[in-house]
Amino acid sequence: MKKDFGDSISNKVYEYRVLARLSQKELAEKVGVSKQTIFVMEKGNYVPTLLLAYRIAEFFNVDVNDIFTYEKGSDANDN
């Protein structure tokens, strides 16, 4: 059975998109995904692939860690 470590990834995609004055559709077109993908990512209901995370960071010309933050779950060290 797969163990749930409770880890998550939060993001600042919404903040960067708004500062760049882009619609969800425009950002989606720039990084090669659907508008729906951007929507659910901004809501925190979708964790992007590593490739997409880097594509978004590169589009905004920032480090991937500036947009995406790994949050370690409390169960990660339990055996």
N, C-alpha and C. Protein backbone atom coordinates (compact mmCIF):
# COMPACT_ATOMS: atom_id res chain seq x y z
N MET A 1 0.84 -1.19 0.00
CA MET A 1 0.00 0.00 0.00
C MET A 1 0.89 1.25 0.00
N LYS A 2 0.52 2.23 -0.79
CA LYS A 2 1.28 3.46 -0.91
C LYS A 2 1.08 4.32 0.34
N LYS A 3 2.18 4.77 0.92
CA LYS A 3 2.12 5.59 2.13
C LYS A 3 1.92 7.06 1.77
N ASP A 4 1.03 7.72 2.48
CA ASP A 4 0.80 9.14 2.30
C ASP A 4 1.66 9.90 3.29
N PHE A 5 2.65 10.61 2.78
CA PHE A 5 3.56 11.36 3.64
C PHE A 5 2.99 12.72 4.03
N GLY A 6 1.93 13.14 3.39
CA GLY A 6 1.35 14.44 3.70
C GLY A 6 2.10 15.60 3.09
N ASP A 7 3.03 15.31 2.18
CA ASP A 7 3.78 16.37 1.51
C ASP A 7 2.88 17.12 0.53
N SER A 8 3.24 18.35 0.25
CA SER A 8 2.47 19.11 -0.74
C SER A 8 3.38 20.13 -1.41
N ILE A 9 2.85 20.69 -2.48
CA ILE A 9 3.54 21.76 -3.22
C ILE A 9 2.58 22.94 -3.29
N SER A 10 3.00 24.07 -2.76
CA SER A 10 2.19 25.28 -2.92
C SER A 10 2.82 26.11 -4.04
N ASN A 11 2.06 27.03 -4.57
CA ASN A 11 2.60 27.82 -5.68
C ASN A 11 2.10 29.26 -5.65
N LYS A 12 2.82 30.08 -6.40
CA LYS A 12 2.49 31.50 -6.54
C LYS A 12 2.18 31.82 -8.01
N VAL A 13 1.65 30.85 -8.72
CA VAL A 13 1.35 31.05 -10.14
C VAL A 13 0.38 32.21 -10.32
N TYR A 14 -0.66 32.27 -9.50
CA TYR A 14 -1.65 33.34 -9.61
C TYR A 14 -0.98 34.71 -9.47
N GLU A 15 -0.15 34.86 -8.43
CA GLU A 15 0.49 36.14 -8.18
C GLU A 15 1.36 36.57 -9.36
N TYR A 16 2.17 35.64 -9.86
CA TYR A 16 3.04 35.97 -10.99
C TYR A 16 2.23 36.28 -12.25
N ARG A 17 1.16 35.53 -12.47
CA ARG A 17 0.33 35.76 -13.65
C ARG A 17 -0.34 37.13 -13.60
N VAL A 18 -0.88 37.48 -12.44
CA VAL A 18 -1.55 38.78 -12.30
C VAL A 18 -0.56 39.93 -12.46
N LEU A 19 0.62 39.79 -11.85
CA LEU A 19 1.64 40.84 -12.00
C LEU A 19 2.05 41.03 -13.46
N ALA A 20 2.02 39.94 -14.22
CA ALA A 20 2.37 40.00 -15.64
C ALA A 20 1.19 40.42 -16.51
N ARG A 21 0.05 40.63 -15.86
CA ARG A 21 -1.18 41.04 -16.55
C ARG A 21 -1.58 40.06 -17.66
N LEU A 22 -1.54 38.78 -17.31
CA LEU A 22 -1.92 37.72 -18.24
C LEU A 22 -3.20 37.05 -17.77
N SER A 23 -4.01 36.62 -18.72
CA SER A 23 -5.17 35.79 -18.37
C SER A 23 -4.69 34.36 -18.19
N GLN A 24 -5.52 33.53 -17.61
CA GLN A 24 -5.18 32.11 -17.47
C GLN A 24 -4.94 31.50 -18.85
N LYS A 25 -5.76 31.89 -19.80
CA LYS A 25 -5.63 31.35 -21.16
C LYS A 25 -4.29 31.77 -21.78
N GLU A 26 -3.91 33.01 -21.60
CA GLU A 26 -2.65 33.49 -22.18
C GLU A 26 -1.45 32.76 -21.58
N LEU A 27 -1.45 32.59 -20.25
CA LEU A 27 -0.35 31.87 -19.62
C LEU A 27 -0.33 30.42 -20.09
N ALA A 28 -1.49 29.81 -20.16
CA ALA A 28 -1.58 28.43 -20.62
C ALA A 28 -0.97 28.26 -22.01
N GLU A 29 -1.29 29.17 -22.90
CA GLU A 29 -0.74 29.12 -24.26
C GLU A 29 0.78 29.28 -24.25
N LYS A 30 1.29 30.14 -23.38
CA LYS A 30 2.73 30.40 -23.32
C LYS A 30 3.51 29.19 -22.82
N VAL A 31 2.90 28.39 -21.93
CA VAL A 31 3.63 27.25 -21.34
C VAL A 31 3.14 25.90 -21.87
N GLY A 32 2.19 25.91 -22.80
CA GLY A 32 1.78 24.69 -23.48
C GLY A 32 0.83 23.78 -22.75
N VAL A 33 -0.07 24.37 -21.96
CA VAL A 33 -1.10 23.57 -21.28
C VAL A 33 -2.46 24.20 -21.50
N SER A 34 -3.49 23.60 -20.95
CA SER A 34 -4.84 24.14 -21.09
C SER A 34 -5.11 25.21 -20.02
N LYS A 35 -6.09 26.03 -20.28
CA LYS A 35 -6.52 27.03 -19.30
C LYS A 35 -6.96 26.33 -18.02
N GLN A 36 -7.60 25.19 -18.15
CA GLN A 36 -8.07 24.43 -16.99
C GLN A 36 -6.90 24.01 -16.10
N THR A 37 -5.78 23.65 -16.69
CA THR A 37 -4.59 23.26 -15.92
C THR A 37 -4.11 24.43 -15.07
N ILE A 38 -4.06 25.61 -15.66
CA ILE A 38 -3.65 26.80 -14.91
C ILE A 38 -4.65 27.07 -13.79
N PHE A 39 -5.93 26.96 -14.09
CA PHE A 39 -6.99 27.21 -13.10
C PHE A 39 -6.85 26.30 -11.89
N VAL A 40 -6.73 25.00 -12.11
CA VAL A 40 -6.65 24.06 -10.97
C VAL A 40 -5.32 24.19 -10.23
N MET A 41 -4.26 24.55 -10.95
CA MET A 41 -2.97 24.77 -10.30
C MET A 41 -3.05 25.97 -9.36
N GLU A 42 -3.66 27.05 -9.83
CA GLU A 42 -3.80 28.24 -8.99
C GLU A 42 -4.66 27.98 -7.76
N LYS A 43 -5.62 27.11 -7.89
CA LYS A 43 -6.50 26.76 -6.76
C LYS A 43 -5.84 25.78 -5.80
N GLY A 44 -4.67 25.26 -6.17
CA GLY A 44 -3.98 24.30 -5.31
C GLY A 44 -4.49 22.88 -5.44
N ASN A 45 -5.26 22.61 -6.51
CA ASN A 45 -5.83 21.28 -6.72
C ASN A 45 -5.05 20.44 -7.72
N TYR A 46 -3.90 20.94 -8.15
CA TYR A 46 -3.09 20.22 -9.13
C TYR A 46 -1.62 20.54 -8.89
N VAL A 47 -0.81 19.51 -8.80
CA VAL A 47 0.63 19.68 -8.68
C VAL A 47 1.22 19.43 -10.06
N PRO A 48 1.89 20.42 -10.64
CA PRO A 48 2.41 20.26 -11.99
C PRO A 48 3.57 19.27 -12.04
N THR A 49 3.83 18.77 -13.22
CA THR A 49 5.01 17.96 -13.42
C THR A 49 6.23 18.85 -13.22
N LEU A 50 7.36 18.23 -13.00
CA LEU A 50 8.59 18.99 -12.84
C LEU A 50 8.88 19.80 -14.10
N LEU A 51 8.64 19.19 -15.25
CA LEU A 51 8.86 19.88 -16.52
C LEU A 51 8.00 21.14 -16.62
N LEU A 52 6.73 21.03 -16.29
CA LEU A 52 5.84 22.19 -16.36
C LEU A 52 6.25 23.24 -15.34
N ALA A 53 6.63 22.84 -14.15
CA ALA A 53 7.06 23.80 -13.14
C ALA A 53 8.26 24.61 -13.64
N TYR A 54 9.22 23.93 -14.26
CA TYR A 54 10.38 24.64 -14.81
C TYR A 54 9.99 25.51 -15.99
N ARG A 55 9.06 25.06 -16.80
CA ARG A 55 8.61 25.86 -17.95
C ARG A 55 7.97 27.16 -17.47
N ILE A 56 7.15 27.07 -16.42
CA ILE A 56 6.49 28.26 -15.87
C ILE A 56 7.53 29.21 -15.27
N ALA A 57 8.46 28.66 -14.49
CA ALA A 57 9.50 29.49 -13.88
C ALA A 57 10.34 30.18 -14.95
N GLU A 58 10.69 29.44 -15.98
CA GLU A 58 11.49 30.04 -17.06
C GLU A 58 10.71 31.14 -17.77
N PHE A 59 9.41 30.92 -17.98
CA PHE A 59 8.59 31.94 -18.63
C PHE A 59 8.63 33.25 -17.83
N PHE A 60 8.54 33.15 -16.50
CA PHE A 60 8.57 34.34 -15.65
C PHE A 60 9.99 34.79 -15.32
N ASN A 61 10.98 34.06 -15.83
CA ASN A 61 12.38 34.40 -15.63
C ASN A 61 12.77 34.44 -14.15
N VAL A 62 12.31 33.43 -13.41
CA VAL A 62 12.65 33.30 -11.99
C VAL A 62 13.04 31.85 -11.71
N ASP A 63 13.62 31.63 -10.54
CA ASP A 63 13.95 30.27 -10.12
C ASP A 63 12.67 29.51 -9.79
N VAL A 64 12.65 28.23 -10.06
CA VAL A 64 11.46 27.42 -9.82
C VAL A 64 11.03 27.49 -8.35
N ASN A 65 12.00 27.66 -7.44
CA ASN A 65 11.67 27.76 -6.01
C ASN A 65 11.00 29.07 -5.64
N ASP A 66 11.07 30.06 -6.50
CA ASP A 66 10.37 31.31 -6.25
C ASP A 66 8.87 31.16 -6.46
N ILE A 67 8.47 30.23 -7.30
CA ILE A 67 7.05 30.03 -7.61
C ILE A 67 6.48 28.82 -6.88
N PHE A 68 7.26 27.76 -6.79
CA PHE A 68 6.78 26.51 -6.19
C PHE A 68 7.54 26.22 -4.90
N THR A 69 6.78 25.86 -3.86
CA THR A 69 7.37 25.58 -2.56
C THR A 69 6.97 24.19 -2.09
N TYR A 70 7.98 23.39 -1.79
CA TYR A 70 7.75 22.05 -1.24
C TYR A 70 7.47 22.17 0.24
N GLU A 71 6.38 21.55 0.68
CA GLU A 71 6.02 21.55 2.09
C GLU A 71 6.02 20.12 2.61
N LYS A 72 7.00 19.82 3.44
CA LYS A 72 7.18 18.48 3.97
C LYS A 72 6.08 18.11 4.95
N GLY A 73 5.52 16.93 4.78
CA GLY A 73 4.49 16.45 5.68
C GLY A 73 5.07 15.98 7.00
N SER A 74 4.23 15.86 7.98
CA SER A 74 4.70 15.47 9.33
C SER A 74 5.00 13.98 9.42
N ASP A 75 4.50 13.15 8.52
CA ASP A 75 4.70 11.71 8.59
C ASP A 75 5.93 11.23 7.83
N ALA A 76 6.70 12.12 7.24
CA ALA A 76 7.78 11.75 6.34
C ALA A 76 8.86 10.89 7.01
N ASN A 77 9.09 11.03 8.30
CA ASN A 77 10.14 10.27 8.97
C ASN A 77 9.62 9.09 9.77
N ASP A 78 8.32 8.85 9.76
CA ASP A 78 7.75 7.72 10.48
C ASP A 78 7.97 6.43 9.70
N ASN A 79 8.26 5.35 10.38
CA ASN A 79 8.44 4.04 9.72
C ASN A 79 7.40 3.07 10.14
